[in-house]
Amino acid sequence: RMMDVGQYLCRIGCTSPMAVTLETLQQVHRCHLLTVPFESLSIHCGENIRLELPHIFEKIVVQRRGGFCYENNSLFGWLLSQLGFEVKLLSAQVRNAYTGVYGPPQDHLILLVNQEGQRWLCDVGFGAGFRTPLSLETNLPQSQENGVFRIHWRGETLILETIEREKQLPQGGGKEQAIKGEESKGVREIMTDKGQKGWKALYKFTLEACCLEDFKEMFIYHQTSPSSLFYCKSLCSLHLPSGRITYIGHRLITTHLLGEGTQTQTVVELSNTEISAILKEKFGIELLYPLVPKDVDIVPPSIIY
């Protein structure tokens, strides 16, 4: 089957033809995040995933699935190049939110777009990331609807940072009796936003160009390593205009944006039978094989990068 640009644009809710402009770059980036989930479900339902663009196209565009960074960003990079953008694949190392340490080289695949002499960081394969491309021409904070980001240079290394927000359970342990008039069956807690805590690093990278084959080893690592988020947790996350929705293990976490970067989170416990219904209803995903839900602690890697 041929990889078709029009079919891809249709999948993400965009119409062709599209001019090679910053506005187009911003539009397709945001549309991608609002339609294509960031997910590791293949690893937990025995699907074979391959680091080959036609295979990824079939999965994301035709089967209307999502993927992890190597899948989402490699395919998005192909789309951008087909639209006429100048695109480079870059390697990043993610700072693990659970262990606080950076992953190995080629831990994460990101994109650099050079548009009319301006460099833009693109990433549609990172859960709580930015929604429109970030400029590499400034180290000032860049505000978006879902948070504040900045790119900080340290020698040859660039560090993507975001303002971390303090979360707190409300009085009474966060058990809410009714939400919007409904019985809160399974609602475990509602986290409220307590304001800014300061900057935290999300990942670091350099501007050295890579090719897709460079990521093959880490592509396997993330499917098999107890130090990988994707191996340890069955997850599926999607940006929404109003926030973000994330399935992980036996939980569904809904983040509501309240403006000015503030947000609340609702956590709902799911039974095994509810998970497939949630995946279909909230993410448009129907798996061909049974999912084995997983949410175990990530083992810190033996080597510190």
Protein backbone atom coordinates (compact mmCIF):
# COMPACT_ATOMS: atom_id res chain seq x y z
CA ARG A 1 0.00 0.00 0.00
CA MET A 2 1.30 3.46 -0.90
CA MET A 3 1.88 6.07 1.79
CA ASP A 4 -0.48 8.89 0.86
CA VAL A 5 -0.10 12.46 2.13
CA GLY A 6 -3.80 13.26 1.59
CA GLN A 7 -4.86 10.22 3.61
CA TYR A 8 -2.47 11.23 6.43
CA LEU A 9 -3.78 14.82 6.47
CA CYS A 10 -7.34 13.46 6.57
CA ARG A 11 -6.38 11.23 9.55
CA ILE A 12 -5.27 14.32 11.54
CA GLY A 13 -8.19 16.49 10.46
CA CYS A 14 -6.32 18.75 8.00
CA THR A 15 -7.11 19.50 4.38
CA SER A 16 -4.57 19.65 1.56
CA PRO A 17 -2.97 21.40 -0.27
CA MET A 18 -0.92 23.14 2.42
CA ALA A 19 1.59 25.95 1.88
CA VAL A 20 5.12 25.62 3.33
CA THR A 21 4.63 28.23 6.06
CA LEU A 22 5.08 28.47 9.82
CA GLU A 23 1.27 28.56 10.14
CA THR A 24 1.02 25.18 8.36
CA LEU A 25 3.77 23.73 10.57
CA GLN A 26 1.94 24.90 13.70
CA GLN A 27 -1.42 23.61 12.43
CA VAL A 28 -0.30 20.09 11.49
CA HIS A 29 1.70 19.75 14.75
CA ARG A 30 -1.29 20.69 16.91
CA CYS A 31 -3.75 18.61 14.83
CA HIS A 32 -1.48 15.56 15.11
CA LEU A 33 -1.39 15.80 18.92
CA LEU A 34 -5.19 16.16 19.11
CA THR A 35 -5.86 13.09 16.94
CA VAL A 36 -2.96 10.60 17.16
CA PRO A 37 -2.41 9.10 20.65
CA PHE A 38 0.96 8.64 22.31
CA GLU A 39 0.70 4.95 23.24
CA SER A 40 2.58 1.75 24.12
CA LEU A 41 -0.35 -0.65 23.71
CA SER A 42 1.36 -2.82 21.05
CA ILE A 43 3.95 -3.92 23.62
CA HIS A 44 1.16 -5.13 25.95
CA CYS A 45 -1.02 -6.97 23.45
CA GLY A 46 1.64 -8.94 21.59
CA GLU A 47 1.64 -6.87 18.40
CA ASN A 48 4.72 -6.78 16.22
CA ILE A 49 5.90 -3.20 15.69
CA ARG A 50 8.54 -2.30 13.12
CA LEU A 51 10.67 0.78 12.67
CA GLU A 52 9.76 1.09 8.99
CA LEU A 53 7.72 3.99 7.64
CA PRO A 54 5.20 1.98 5.52
CA HIS A 55 4.47 -0.24 8.54
CA ILE A 56 4.04 2.80 10.82
CA PHE A 57 1.81 4.51 8.22
CA GLU A 58 -0.41 1.42 8.10
CA LYS A 59 -0.71 1.40 11.91
CA ILE A 60 -1.27 5.12 12.57
CA VAL A 61 -3.09 6.30 9.45
CA VAL A 62 -4.95 3.22 8.19
CA GLN A 63 -5.65 1.42 11.48
CA ARG A 64 -6.11 4.78 13.28
CA ARG A 65 -3.78 3.87 16.13
CA GLY A 66 -1.05 5.87 17.85
CA GLY A 67 2.51 5.00 18.77
CA PHE A 68 5.51 5.97 20.85
CA CYS A 69 8.07 8.59 19.86
CA TYR A 70 9.90 6.56 17.19
CA GLU A 71 6.62 5.86 15.39
CA ASN A 72 4.80 9.19 15.79
CA ASN A 73 7.78 11.46 15.12
CA SER A 74 9.35 9.46 12.27
CA LEU A 75 6.02 9.40 10.43
CA PHE A 76 5.33 13.07 11.20
CA GLY A 77 8.82 13.92 9.91
CA TRP A 78 7.97 12.09 6.67
CA LEU A 79 4.75 14.12 6.35
CA LEU A 80 6.58 17.42 6.91
CA SER A 81 9.23 16.55 4.29
CA GLN A 82 6.49 15.56 1.81
CA LEU A 83 4.80 18.93 2.43
CA GLY A 84 8.09 20.63 1.54
CA PHE A 85 9.65 21.37 4.94
CA GLU A 86 13.35 20.94 5.69
CA VAL A 87 13.41 18.30 8.46
CA LYS A 88 16.18 16.69 10.52
CA LEU A 89 15.81 13.75 12.93
CA LEU A 90 17.51 14.38 16.28
CA SER A 91 18.24 12.17 19.28
CA ALA A 92 17.10 13.21 22.77
CA GLN A 93 17.50 11.76 26.26
CA VAL A 94 14.40 11.98 28.43
CA ARG A 95 14.64 12.81 32.11
CA ASN A 96 12.55 10.07 33.70
CA ALA A 97 9.78 11.60 35.82
CA TYR A 98 9.82 8.56 38.12
CA THR A 99 13.57 8.01 38.61
CA GLY A 100 14.88 11.54 37.89
CA VAL A 101 17.70 10.29 35.64
CA TYR A 102 18.27 10.78 31.90
CA GLY A 103 17.82 7.88 29.53
CA PRO A 104 20.51 6.57 27.14
CA PRO A 105 21.39 8.20 23.79
CA GLN A 106 18.65 7.66 21.13
CA ASP A 107 16.20 7.38 24.05
CA HIS A 108 13.80 9.73 22.24
CA LEU A 109 13.36 10.80 18.61
CA ILE A 110 12.55 14.47 17.95
CA LEU A 111 12.45 16.70 14.86
CA LEU A 112 14.16 19.93 13.89
CA VAL A 113 12.53 22.01 11.15
CA ASN A 114 14.37 24.86 9.45
CA GLN A 115 11.75 27.29 8.16
CA GLU A 116 12.94 30.48 6.45
CA GLY A 117 16.15 30.53 8.49
CA GLN A 118 14.38 29.89 11.81
CA ARG A 119 14.82 26.60 13.67
CA TRP A 120 11.80 24.95 15.27
CA LEU A 121 11.66 21.92 17.58
CA CYS A 122 8.79 19.55 16.73
CA ASP A 123 7.67 16.61 18.87
CA VAL A 124 4.37 14.73 18.50
CA GLY A 125 5.66 11.70 20.46
CA PHE A 126 5.94 12.96 24.03
CA GLY A 127 3.02 12.76 26.46
CA ALA A 128 2.95 16.07 28.31
CA GLY A 129 4.82 18.08 25.71
CA PHE A 130 4.30 21.34 23.87
CA ARG A 131 1.45 21.66 21.36
CA THR A 132 3.02 23.85 18.69
CA PRO A 133 6.69 23.89 17.63
CA LEU A 134 9.16 25.70 19.92
CA SER A 135 11.65 28.23 18.60
CA LEU A 136 15.34 27.45 19.00
CA GLU A 137 16.18 31.10 18.34
CA THR A 138 15.34 32.20 21.91
CA ASN A 139 16.02 31.01 25.46
CA LEU A 140 13.04 33.00 26.77
CA PRO A 141 9.95 31.18 28.10
CA GLN A 142 7.45 30.20 25.38
CA SER A 143 3.86 30.12 26.69
CA GLN A 144 1.28 27.72 25.29
CA GLU A 145 -2.27 26.78 26.29
CA ASN A 146 -1.07 23.70 28.19
CA GLY A 147 2.05 25.12 29.88
CA VAL A 148 5.19 27.22 29.66
CA PHE A 149 8.35 25.84 28.00
CA ARG A 150 11.86 27.02 27.28
CA ILE A 151 14.95 25.70 25.52
CA HIS A 152 18.09 26.24 27.53
CA TRP A 153 21.56 25.92 25.91
CA ARG A 154 24.37 24.31 27.89
CA GLY A 155 27.39 24.18 25.59
CA GLU A 156 26.44 21.95 22.64
CA THR A 157 23.53 20.46 24.58
CA LEU A 158 20.02 21.90 24.57
CA ILE A 159 17.64 21.22 27.44
CA LEU A 160 13.87 21.40 27.08
CA GLU A 161 12.34 22.62 30.33
CA THR A 162 8.82 23.31 31.54
CA ILE A 163 7.39 25.04 34.59
CA GLU A 164 6.40 22.33 37.03
CA ARG A 165 3.19 22.86 38.96
CA GLU A 166 2.46 21.89 42.56
CA LYS A 167 -0.45 19.44 42.87
CA GLN A 168 -2.46 18.81 46.01
CA LEU A 169 -5.33 16.59 47.01
CA PRO A 170 -8.28 18.59 48.34
CA GLN A 171 -9.46 18.29 51.95
CA GLY A 172 -11.03 14.93 52.75
CA GLY A 173 -8.51 12.92 50.75
CA GLY A 174 -9.91 13.92 47.39
CA LYS A 175 -12.91 11.60 47.37
CA GLU A 176 -15.56 13.49 45.41
CA GLN A 177 -19.12 12.31 45.81
CA ALA A 178 -20.55 13.65 42.57
CA ILE A 179 -19.05 15.15 39.46
CA LYS A 180 -21.38 17.04 37.10
CA GLY A 181 -24.31 15.36 38.80
CA GLU A 182 -23.07 11.82 38.14
CA GLU A 183 -22.21 9.17 40.67
CA SER A 184 -18.42 9.05 40.77
CA LYS A 185 -18.11 5.29 40.51
CA GLY A 186 -14.42 4.55 40.72
CA VAL A 187 -13.27 8.15 40.96
CA ARG A 188 -10.28 7.94 43.21
CA GLU A 189 -9.04 11.47 43.58
CA ILE A 190 -9.12 14.93 42.14
CA MET A 191 -5.83 16.80 42.17
CA THR A 192 -5.95 20.57 42.34
CA ASP A 193 -3.31 22.98 41.11
CA LYS A 194 -1.35 24.84 43.79
CA GLY A 195 0.68 27.09 41.49
CA GLN A 196 4.20 27.11 40.08
CA LYS A 197 7.07 25.13 41.60
CA GLY A 198 9.83 26.12 39.18
CA TRP A 199 11.53 24.84 36.04
CA LYS A 200 12.14 21.12 35.45
CA ALA A 201 13.99 19.42 32.60
CA LEU A 202 11.96 17.19 30.25
CA TYR A 203 14.78 16.07 27.95
CA LYS A 204 18.17 17.06 26.54
CA PHE A 205 19.42 16.86 22.95
CA THR A 206 22.02 18.07 20.47
CA LEU A 207 21.62 19.30 16.89
CA GLU A 208 23.55 16.36 15.38
CA ALA A 209 21.43 14.86 12.58
CA CYS A 210 20.40 11.19 12.86
CA CYS A 211 18.71 8.66 10.58
CA LEU A 212 15.93 6.26 11.58
CA GLU A 213 18.29 3.24 11.69
CA ASP A 214 20.25 4.95 14.51
CA PHE A 215 17.28 4.32 16.82
CA LYS A 216 16.90 0.57 16.17
CA GLU A 217 18.65 -0.56 19.34
CA MET A 218 16.67 1.80 21.60
CA PHE A 219 13.46 0.89 19.74
CA ILE A 220 13.97 -2.67 21.01
CA TYR A 221 15.14 -1.47 24.46
CA HIS A 222 11.87 0.41 25.03
CA GLN A 223 9.88 -2.75 24.26
CA THR A 224 11.89 -5.00 26.60
CA SER A 225 13.66 -3.05 29.37
CA PRO A 226 12.37 -2.80 32.96
CA SER A 227 13.96 0.69 32.91
CA SER A 228 11.56 1.82 30.17
CA LEU A 229 8.23 3.54 30.79
CA PHE A 230 6.72 1.78 27.77
CA TYR A 231 7.63 -1.72 28.95
CA CYS A 232 6.54 -1.06 32.53
CA LYS A 233 3.23 0.65 31.80
CA SER A 234 0.45 0.04 29.31
CA LEU A 235 -0.40 3.60 28.39
CA CYS A 236 -2.31 5.71 25.89
CA SER A 237 -2.46 9.50 26.05
CA LEU A 238 -4.09 12.14 23.87
CA HIS A 239 -4.17 15.94 23.95
CA LEU A 240 -7.66 17.45 24.10
CA PRO A 241 -8.61 21.09 23.44
CA SER A 242 -9.60 21.19 27.14
CA GLY A 243 -6.57 19.27 28.50
CA ARG A 244 -5.30 15.71 28.17
CA ILE A 245 -6.62 12.20 28.73
CA THR A 246 -4.33 9.35 29.74
CA TYR A 247 -5.00 5.65 30.22
CA ILE A 248 -2.30 3.90 32.28
CA GLY A 249 -2.53 0.41 33.85
CA HIS A 250 -5.96 0.38 35.50
CA ARG A 251 -6.44 4.16 35.66
CA LEU A 252 -7.87 6.89 33.49
CA ILE A 253 -6.42 10.33 34.24
CA THR A 254 -8.17 13.40 32.83
CA THR A 255 -6.32 16.72 33.00
CA HIS A 256 -8.46 19.86 32.71
CA LEU A 257 -6.76 23.10 31.68
CA LEU A 258 -8.10 26.12 33.56
CA GLY A 259 -6.08 28.83 31.78
CA GLU A 260 -2.83 30.55 32.81
CA GLY A 261 -1.19 27.10 32.93
CA THR A 262 -3.29 25.92 35.89
CA GLN A 263 -5.02 22.53 35.78
CA THR A 264 -6.89 19.91 37.78
CA GLN A 265 -6.69 16.13 37.40
CA THR A 266 -9.36 13.47 37.84
CA VAL A 267 -8.30 9.84 38.34
CA VAL A 268 -10.77 6.99 37.71
CA GLU A 269 -10.07 3.32 38.54
CA LEU A 270 -10.85 0.91 35.69
CA SER A 271 -11.68 -2.79 35.71
CA ASN A 272 -10.24 -5.06 33.00
CA THR A 273 -13.53 -5.07 31.11
CA GLU A 274 -13.81 -1.26 31.18
CA ILE A 275 -10.38 -0.71 29.62
CA SER A 276 -11.22 -1.80 26.06
CA ALA A 277 -14.44 0.26 26.11
CA ILE A 278 -12.47 3.32 27.28
CA LEU A 279 -9.83 2.83 24.57
CA LYS A 280 -12.56 2.71 21.92
CA GLU A 281 -14.67 5.57 23.30
CA LYS A 282 -11.94 8.02 24.35
CA PHE A 283 -9.11 7.21 21.91
CA GLY A 284 -10.84 5.55 18.95
CA ILE A 285 -8.65 2.47 19.39
CA GLU A 286 -9.83 -1.11 18.86
CA LEU A 287 -7.07 -3.64 19.52
CA LEU A 288 -6.89 -6.87 17.52
CA TYR A 289 -5.37 -8.81 20.43
CA PRO A 290 -6.23 -8.84 24.16
CA LEU A 291 -4.41 -6.19 26.20
CA VAL A 292 -2.56 -7.22 29.37
CA PRO A 293 -2.79 -4.07 31.56
CA LYS A 294 0.50 -3.24 33.29
CA ASP A 295 1.64 -0.53 35.70
CA VAL A 296 4.80 -1.56 37.54
CA ASP A 297 7.59 0.59 38.96
CA ILE A 298 10.38 1.55 36.57
CA VAL A 299 13.77 0.17 37.55
CA PRO A 300 16.44 2.94 37.49
CA PRO A 301 19.02 2.12 34.80
CA SER A 302 22.37 0.73 35.93
CA ILE A 303 24.28 3.36 33.92
CA ILE A 304 23.69 7.03 34.69
CA TYR A 305 23.87 9.24 31.59
